[in-house]
Amino acid sequence: MVTTLLNLNTSSAYQELRTLRAKLRQQNKPITGLKLATTLHKYSERGQVYVDAISEMIRYHGLQRVDEAYLTDTAPLHLITKEDAIK
């Protein structure tokens, strides 16, 4: 995981991802997995097919819920809703 984060934040192949992330921050817009995924066409030889697959996985598994997750030393952030917990 650390290697992947280092790679995404330093490799020239992911400059587009970093540029989009910076632009969204500057505009005070949400930085989402779906938006960032659009820049990952260089991550795999599959190109746009890979981007489409990642985007579909995010949607299928409801991973948009973690777009607002953040690291903190305080109480944990629960990634399921009360409704999901009682099912």
C-alpha atoms as a PDB file:
ATOM      1  CA  MET A   1       0.000   0.000   0.000  1.00  0.00           C
ATOM      2  CA  VAL A   2       2.784   2.441   0.889  1.00  0.00           C
ATOM      3  CA  THR A   3       4.512   1.697  -2.401  1.00  0.00           C
ATOM      4  CA  THR A   4       1.285   2.356  -4.318  1.00  0.00           C
ATOM      5  CA  LEU A   5       0.731   5.662  -2.506  1.00  0.00           C
ATOM      6  CA  LEU A   6       4.335   6.697  -3.133  1.00  0.00           C
ATOM      7  CA  ASN A   7       4.013   5.729  -6.794  1.00  0.00           C
ATOM      8  CA  LEU A   8       0.746   7.647  -7.266  1.00  0.00           C
ATOM      9  CA  ASN A   9       2.234  10.716  -5.599  1.00  0.00           C
ATOM     10  CA  THR A  10       5.605  10.774  -7.373  1.00  0.00           C
ATOM     11  CA  SER A  11       5.528   8.958 -10.721  1.00  0.00           C
ATOM     12  CA  SER A  12       5.149  11.071 -13.855  1.00  0.00           C
ATOM     13  CA  ALA A  13       2.562   8.546 -15.086  1.00  0.00           C
ATOM     14  CA  TYR A  14       0.151   9.882 -12.461  1.00  0.00           C
ATOM     15  CA  GLN A  15       0.712  13.591 -12.912  1.00  0.00           C
ATOM     16  CA  GLU A  16      -2.808  13.876 -14.332  1.00  0.00           C
ATOM     17  CA  LEU A  17      -4.249  12.401 -11.110  1.00  0.00           C
ATOM     18  CA  ARG A  18      -2.261  14.820  -8.940  1.00  0.00           C
ATOM     19  CA  THR A  19      -3.219  17.772 -11.142  1.00  0.00           C
ATOM     20  CA  LEU A  20      -6.920  16.898 -10.948  1.00  0.00           C
ATOM     21  CA  ARG A  21      -6.696  16.385  -7.174  1.00  0.00           C
ATOM     22  CA  ALA A  22      -5.000  19.773  -6.732  1.00  0.00           C
ATOM     23  CA  LYS A  23      -7.557  21.469  -8.983  1.00  0.00           C
ATOM     24  CA  LEU A  24     -10.469  19.990  -7.041  1.00  0.00           C
ATOM     25  CA  ARG A  25      -8.879  21.086  -3.750  1.00  0.00           C
ATOM     26  CA  GLN A  26      -8.283  24.592  -5.082  1.00  0.00           C
ATOM     27  CA  GLN A  27     -11.919  24.827  -6.209  1.00  0.00           C
ATOM     28  CA  ASN A  28     -13.084  23.411  -2.867  1.00  0.00           C
ATOM     29  CA  LYS A  29     -14.842  20.568  -4.707  1.00  0.00           C
ATOM     30  CA  PRO A  30     -15.140  16.981  -3.492  1.00  0.00           C
ATOM     31  CA  ILE A  31     -12.247  14.690  -4.391  1.00  0.00           C
ATOM     32  CA  THR A  32     -13.892  11.386  -5.214  1.00  0.00           C
ATOM     33  CA  GLY A  33     -12.676   7.987  -6.240  1.00  0.00           C
ATOM     34  CA  LEU A  34     -14.800   8.106  -9.371  1.00  0.00           C
ATOM     35  CA  LYS A  35     -13.303  11.429 -10.452  1.00  0.00           C
ATOM     36  CA  LEU A  36      -9.729  10.359  -9.731  1.00  0.00           C
ATOM     37  CA  ALA A  37     -10.258   6.996 -11.431  1.00  0.00           C
ATOM     38  CA  THR A  38     -10.759   8.802 -14.745  1.00  0.00           C
ATOM     39  CA  THR A  39      -7.049   9.648 -14.698  1.00  0.00           C
ATOM     40  CA  LEU A  40      -5.766   6.076 -14.218  1.00  0.00           C
ATOM     41  CA  HIS A  41      -5.585   5.066 -17.877  1.00  0.00           C
ATOM     42  CA  LYS A  42      -1.789   4.768 -17.583  1.00  0.00           C
ATOM     43  CA  TYR A  43      -1.996   2.517 -14.511  1.00  0.00           C
ATOM     44  CA  SER A  44      -2.760  -0.548 -16.614  1.00  0.00           C
ATOM     45  CA  GLU A  45      -2.053  -1.719 -20.139  1.00  0.00           C
ATOM     46  CA  ARG A  46      -5.831  -2.023 -20.445  1.00  0.00           C
ATOM     47  CA  GLY A  47      -6.137   1.793 -20.460  1.00  0.00           C
ATOM     48  CA  GLN A  48      -9.726   3.025 -20.587  1.00  0.00           C
ATOM     49  CA  VAL A  49     -11.053  -0.512 -20.093  1.00  0.00           C
ATOM     50  CA  TYR A  50      -9.243  -0.527 -16.727  1.00  0.00           C
ATOM     51  CA  VAL A  51     -10.688   2.881 -15.804  1.00  0.00           C
ATOM     52  CA  ASP A  52     -14.182   1.673 -16.695  1.00  0.00           C
ATOM     53  CA  ALA A  53     -13.715  -1.513 -14.629  1.00  0.00           C
ATOM     54  CA  ILE A  54     -12.462   0.405 -11.581  1.00  0.00           C
ATOM     55  CA  SER A  55     -15.324   2.895 -11.869  1.00  0.00           C
ATOM     56  CA  GLU A  56     -17.848   0.070 -12.090  1.00  0.00           C
ATOM     57  CA  MET A  57     -16.346  -1.637  -9.019  1.00  0.00           C
ATOM     58  CA  ILE A  58     -16.597   1.618  -7.067  1.00  0.00           C
ATOM     59  CA  ARG A  59     -20.262   1.975  -8.023  1.00  0.00           C
ATOM     60  CA  TYR A  60     -21.163  -1.713  -7.585  1.00  0.00           C
ATOM     61  CA  HIS A  61     -19.668  -1.938  -4.093  1.00  0.00           C
ATOM     62  CA  GLY A  62     -20.941   1.479  -2.996  1.00  0.00           C
ATOM     63  CA  LEU A  63     -17.438   2.742  -2.318  1.00  0.00           C
ATOM     64  CA  GLN A  64     -18.521   6.338  -2.848  1.00  0.00           C
ATOM     65  CA  ARG A  65     -19.347   6.184   0.884  1.00  0.00           C
ATOM     66  CA  VAL A  66     -15.645   6.373   1.696  1.00  0.00           C
ATOM     67  CA  ASP A  67     -14.999   9.503  -0.368  1.00  0.00           C
ATOM     68  CA  GLU A  68     -15.381  11.597   2.771  1.00  0.00           C
ATOM     69  CA  ALA A  69     -13.245   9.333   4.977  1.00  0.00           C
ATOM     70  CA  TYR A  70     -10.183  10.850   6.594  1.00  0.00           C
ATOM     71  CA  LEU A  71      -7.464   9.893   9.062  1.00  0.00           C
ATOM     72  CA  THR A  72      -7.815  11.022  12.643  1.00  0.00           C
ATOM     73  CA  ASP A  73      -6.757  10.114  16.153  1.00  0.00           C
ATOM     74  CA  THR A  74     -10.332  10.456  17.411  1.00  0.00           C
ATOM     75  CA  ALA A  75     -13.228   7.993  17.325  1.00  0.00           C
ATOM     76  CA  PRO A  76     -13.449   5.781  14.225  1.00  0.00           C
ATOM     77  CA  LEU A  77     -15.619   6.650  11.266  1.00  0.00           C
ATOM     78  CA  HIS A  78     -18.049   3.822  10.575  1.00  0.00           C
ATOM     79  CA  LEU A  79     -18.458   3.096   6.892  1.00  0.00           C
ATOM     80  CA  ILE A  80     -21.890   1.520   7.127  1.00  0.00           C
ATOM     81  CA  THR A  81     -25.164   3.241   7.790  1.00  0.00           C
ATOM     82  CA  LYS A  82     -27.442   2.423  10.735  1.00  0.00           C
ATOM     83  CA  GLU A  83     -29.830   0.859   8.241  1.00  0.00           C
ATOM     84  CA  ASP A  84     -27.101  -1.446   6.908  1.00  0.00           C
ATOM     85  CA  ALA A  85     -26.086  -2.426  10.439  1.00  0.00           C
ATOM     86  CA  ILE A  86     -29.560  -3.649  11.398  1.00  0.00           C
ATOM     87  CA  LYS A  87     -30.074  -5.790   8.283  1.00  0.00           C
END
